[in-house]
Amino acid sequence: ILVGDELLVDGVPVQVRGIEVGTDRRVDSAPSRDIRTLWTVRFDQVTVKFSINMGHRTKAGSQMASPDEEFTVGELVQVAGVTAVIHRIKTWDRTLQRGSAEARDIRRIYGKAVRG
């Protein structure tokens, strides 16, 4: 089992966030027979964080999404009462200035407020 793996626990999807073996030693992966504690978070909904640029100030917000929901650069979104166009998506390993990413992989979405 690896940190980041997705599992079903009593029919609920969870994601592994930590693995403890032996005497509370944390590792990134381990065979199931060696695992003492598995730290997980519920994964049927994820929080997608947004930073919306509104000229001289930036407004933070978030919304819940299915892990499989895709967000695309150029897409219009409604966050914290502001309509914005997505101009950058930061994932856990890179920053996208075009294309799309699934909510499960998104660390933060950056957008610019639009009028109208």
C-alpha atoms as a PDB file:
ATOM      1  CA  ILE A   1       0.000   0.000   0.000  1.00  0.00           C
ATOM      2  CA  LEU A   2       1.267   3.489  -0.913  1.00  0.00           C
ATOM      3  CA  VAL A   3       0.488   6.956   0.432  1.00  0.00           C
ATOM      4  CA  GLY A   4      -1.974   8.406  -2.095  1.00  0.00           C
ATOM      5  CA  ASP A   5      -3.664   5.066  -2.854  1.00  0.00           C
ATOM      6  CA  GLU A   6      -7.461   5.096  -3.026  1.00  0.00           C
ATOM      7  CA  LEU A   7      -9.334   2.339  -1.179  1.00  0.00           C
ATOM      8  CA  LEU A   8     -12.933   1.429  -0.313  1.00  0.00           C
ATOM      9  CA  VAL A   9     -13.744   1.143   3.403  1.00  0.00           C
ATOM     10  CA  ASP A  10     -17.294  -0.015   4.140  1.00  0.00           C
ATOM     11  CA  GLY A  11     -18.286   1.191   0.662  1.00  0.00           C
ATOM     12  CA  VAL A  12     -16.835   4.685   1.178  1.00  0.00           C
ATOM     13  CA  PRO A  13     -13.862   5.814  -0.947  1.00  0.00           C
ATOM     14  CA  VAL A  14     -10.857   6.925   1.119  1.00  0.00           C
ATOM     15  CA  GLN A  15      -7.355   8.087   0.252  1.00  0.00           C
ATOM     16  CA  VAL A  16      -4.286   6.919   2.199  1.00  0.00           C
ATOM     17  CA  ARG A  17      -2.526   9.934   3.765  1.00  0.00           C
ATOM     18  CA  GLY A  18      -0.147   8.144   6.117  1.00  0.00           C
ATOM     19  CA  ILE A  19       1.210   4.670   6.912  1.00  0.00           C
ATOM     20  CA  GLU A  20       2.663   3.628  10.267  1.00  0.00           C
ATOM     21  CA  VAL A  21       4.684   0.452  10.762  1.00  0.00           C
ATOM     22  CA  GLY A  22       6.424  -0.998  13.812  1.00  0.00           C
ATOM     23  CA  THR A  23       6.603   1.450  16.684  1.00  0.00           C
ATOM     24  CA  ASP A  24       4.760   4.380  15.088  1.00  0.00           C
ATOM     25  CA  ARG A  25       7.344   4.902  12.336  1.00  0.00           C
ATOM     26  CA  ARG A  26       5.837   6.668   9.284  1.00  0.00           C
ATOM     27  CA  VAL A  27       6.696   5.373   5.808  1.00  0.00           C
ATOM     28  CA  ASP A  28       5.539   6.105   2.236  1.00  0.00           C
ATOM     29  CA  SER A  29       4.725   2.466   1.432  1.00  0.00           C
ATOM     30  CA  ALA A  30       4.561  -0.928   3.115  1.00  0.00           C
ATOM     31  CA  PRO A  31       3.158  -4.418   2.564  1.00  0.00           C
ATOM     32  CA  SER A  32      -0.219  -4.762   4.292  1.00  0.00           C
ATOM     33  CA  ARG A  33       1.109  -7.355   6.765  1.00  0.00           C
ATOM     34  CA  ASP A  34       3.573  -4.767   8.197  1.00  0.00           C
ATOM     35  CA  ILE A  35       1.095  -1.893   8.591  1.00  0.00           C
ATOM     36  CA  ARG A  36       0.144  -0.979  12.151  1.00  0.00           C
ATOM     37  CA  THR A  37      -1.949   2.137  11.395  1.00  0.00           C
ATOM     38  CA  LEU A  38      -3.365   3.467   8.139  1.00  0.00           C
ATOM     39  CA  TRP A  39      -4.308   7.168   8.121  1.00  0.00           C
ATOM     40  CA  THR A  40      -7.001   7.960   5.559  1.00  0.00           C
ATOM     41  CA  VAL A  41      -9.401  10.722   4.596  1.00  0.00           C
ATOM     42  CA  ARG A  42     -12.842  10.344   3.092  1.00  0.00           C
ATOM     43  CA  PHE A  43     -12.577  10.821  -0.653  1.00  0.00           C
ATOM     44  CA  ASP A  44     -16.115  10.922  -2.070  1.00  0.00           C
ATOM     45  CA  GLN A  45     -15.873  14.736  -2.097  1.00  0.00           C
ATOM     46  CA  VAL A  46     -12.763  16.923  -2.181  1.00  0.00           C
ATOM     47  CA  THR A  47     -12.318  20.606  -1.416  1.00  0.00           C
ATOM     48  CA  VAL A  48     -10.990  22.596  -4.365  1.00  0.00           C
ATOM     49  CA  LYS A  49      -9.352  25.863  -3.268  1.00  0.00           C
ATOM     50  CA  PHE A  50      -9.495  29.008  -5.395  1.00  0.00           C
ATOM     51  CA  SER A  51      -7.667  32.351  -5.458  1.00  0.00           C
ATOM     52  CA  ILE A  52      -9.577  34.919  -7.500  1.00  0.00           C
ATOM     53  CA  ASN A  53      -7.730  38.074  -8.591  1.00  0.00           C
ATOM     54  CA  MET A  54      -9.993  41.125  -8.440  1.00  0.00           C
ATOM     55  CA  GLY A  55      -7.592  43.849  -9.525  1.00  0.00           C
ATOM     56  CA  HIS A  56      -5.826  45.156  -6.424  1.00  0.00           C
ATOM     57  CA  ARG A  57      -7.018  42.374  -4.145  1.00  0.00           C
ATOM     58  CA  THR A  58      -7.359  38.619  -4.213  1.00  0.00           C
ATOM     59  CA  LYS A  59     -10.320  36.730  -2.793  1.00  0.00           C
ATOM     60  CA  ALA A  60      -9.931  33.170  -1.525  1.00  0.00           C
ATOM     61  CA  GLY A  61     -12.690  30.619  -1.771  1.00  0.00           C
ATOM     62  CA  SER A  62     -13.382  26.930  -2.094  1.00  0.00           C
ATOM     63  CA  GLN A  63     -15.996  24.529  -3.357  1.00  0.00           C
ATOM     64  CA  MET A  64     -16.706  20.849  -2.949  1.00  0.00           C
ATOM     65  CA  ALA A  65     -16.325  18.619  -5.998  1.00  0.00           C
ATOM     66  CA  SER A  66     -16.328  14.968  -6.931  1.00  0.00           C
ATOM     67  CA  PRO A  67     -12.717  13.667  -7.182  1.00  0.00           C
ATOM     68  CA  ASP A  68     -13.335  12.916 -10.892  1.00  0.00           C
ATOM     69  CA  GLU A  69     -14.723  16.375 -11.729  1.00  0.00           C
ATOM     70  CA  GLU A  70     -12.531  18.202 -14.231  1.00  0.00           C
ATOM     71  CA  PHE A  71     -11.620  21.875 -14.153  1.00  0.00           C
ATOM     72  CA  THR A  72     -10.261  23.493 -17.324  1.00  0.00           C
ATOM     73  CA  VAL A  73      -8.154  26.595 -17.930  1.00  0.00           C
ATOM     74  CA  GLY A  74     -10.450  29.145 -19.602  1.00  0.00           C
ATOM     75  CA  GLU A  75     -13.587  27.782 -17.902  1.00  0.00           C
ATOM     76  CA  LEU A  76     -15.934  30.166 -16.057  1.00  0.00           C
ATOM     77  CA  VAL A  77     -16.586  29.321 -12.395  1.00  0.00           C
ATOM     78  CA  GLN A  78     -18.669  30.863  -9.629  1.00  0.00           C
ATOM     79  CA  VAL A  79     -16.706  31.002  -6.352  1.00  0.00           C
ATOM     80  CA  ALA A  80     -17.472  32.971  -3.184  1.00  0.00           C
ATOM     81  CA  GLY A  81     -20.048  35.061  -5.048  1.00  0.00           C
ATOM     82  CA  VAL A  82     -17.617  36.015  -7.820  1.00  0.00           C
ATOM     83  CA  THR A  83     -17.672  34.862 -11.456  1.00  0.00           C
ATOM     84  CA  ALA A  84     -14.128  34.170 -12.628  1.00  0.00           C
ATOM     85  CA  VAL A  85     -12.253  32.638 -15.523  1.00  0.00           C
ATOM     86  CA  ILE A  86      -9.657  30.003 -14.609  1.00  0.00           C
ATOM     87  CA  HIS A  87      -6.202  31.061 -15.800  1.00  0.00           C
ATOM     88  CA  ARG A  88      -3.968  28.600 -13.943  1.00  0.00           C
ATOM     89  CA  ILE A  89      -4.377  25.240 -12.172  1.00  0.00           C
ATOM     90  CA  LYS A  90      -1.757  24.134  -9.649  1.00  0.00           C
ATOM     91  CA  THR A  91      -1.641  20.374  -9.157  1.00  0.00           C
ATOM     92  CA  TRP A  92       0.504  18.452  -6.680  1.00  0.00           C
ATOM     93  CA  ASP A  93       3.355  18.159  -9.191  1.00  0.00           C
ATOM     94  CA  ARG A  94       3.003  20.965 -11.775  1.00  0.00           C
ATOM     95  CA  THR A  95       1.210  24.146 -12.819  1.00  0.00           C
ATOM     96  CA  LEU A  96      -1.086  24.121 -15.856  1.00  0.00           C
ATOM     97  CA  GLN A  97      -1.609  27.230 -17.974  1.00  0.00           C
ATOM     98  CA  ARG A  98      -3.741  25.281 -20.462  1.00  0.00           C
ATOM     99  CA  GLY A  99      -5.613  22.007 -20.329  1.00  0.00           C
ATOM    100  CA  SER A 100      -7.517  20.483 -17.433  1.00  0.00           C
ATOM    101  CA  ALA A 101      -7.092  18.482 -14.245  1.00  0.00           C
ATOM    102  CA  GLU A 102      -9.297  16.331 -12.038  1.00  0.00           C
ATOM    103  CA  ALA A 103     -10.294  17.737  -8.652  1.00  0.00           C
ATOM    104  CA  ARG A 104      -8.370  14.933  -6.879  1.00  0.00           C
ATOM    105  CA  ASP A 105      -5.102  16.266  -8.339  1.00  0.00           C
ATOM    106  CA  ILE A 106      -5.688  19.991  -7.777  1.00  0.00           C
ATOM    107  CA  ARG A 107      -3.910  21.919  -5.058  1.00  0.00           C
ATOM    108  CA  ARG A 108      -5.323  25.365  -5.989  1.00  0.00           C
ATOM    109  CA  ILE A 109      -7.031  27.079  -8.924  1.00  0.00           C
ATOM    110  CA  TYR A 110      -6.171  30.669  -9.846  1.00  0.00           C
ATOM    111  CA  GLY A 111      -8.684  32.837 -11.640  1.00  0.00           C
ATOM    112  CA  LYS A 112      -9.473  36.411 -12.652  1.00  0.00           C
ATOM    113  CA  ALA A 113     -12.807  38.018 -11.857  1.00  0.00           C
ATOM    114  CA  VAL A 114     -14.992  38.873 -14.838  1.00  0.00           C
ATOM    115  CA  ARG A 115     -17.721  41.480 -15.007  1.00  0.00           C
ATOM    116  CA  GLY A 116     -21.249  40.660 -15.887  1.00  0.00           C
END
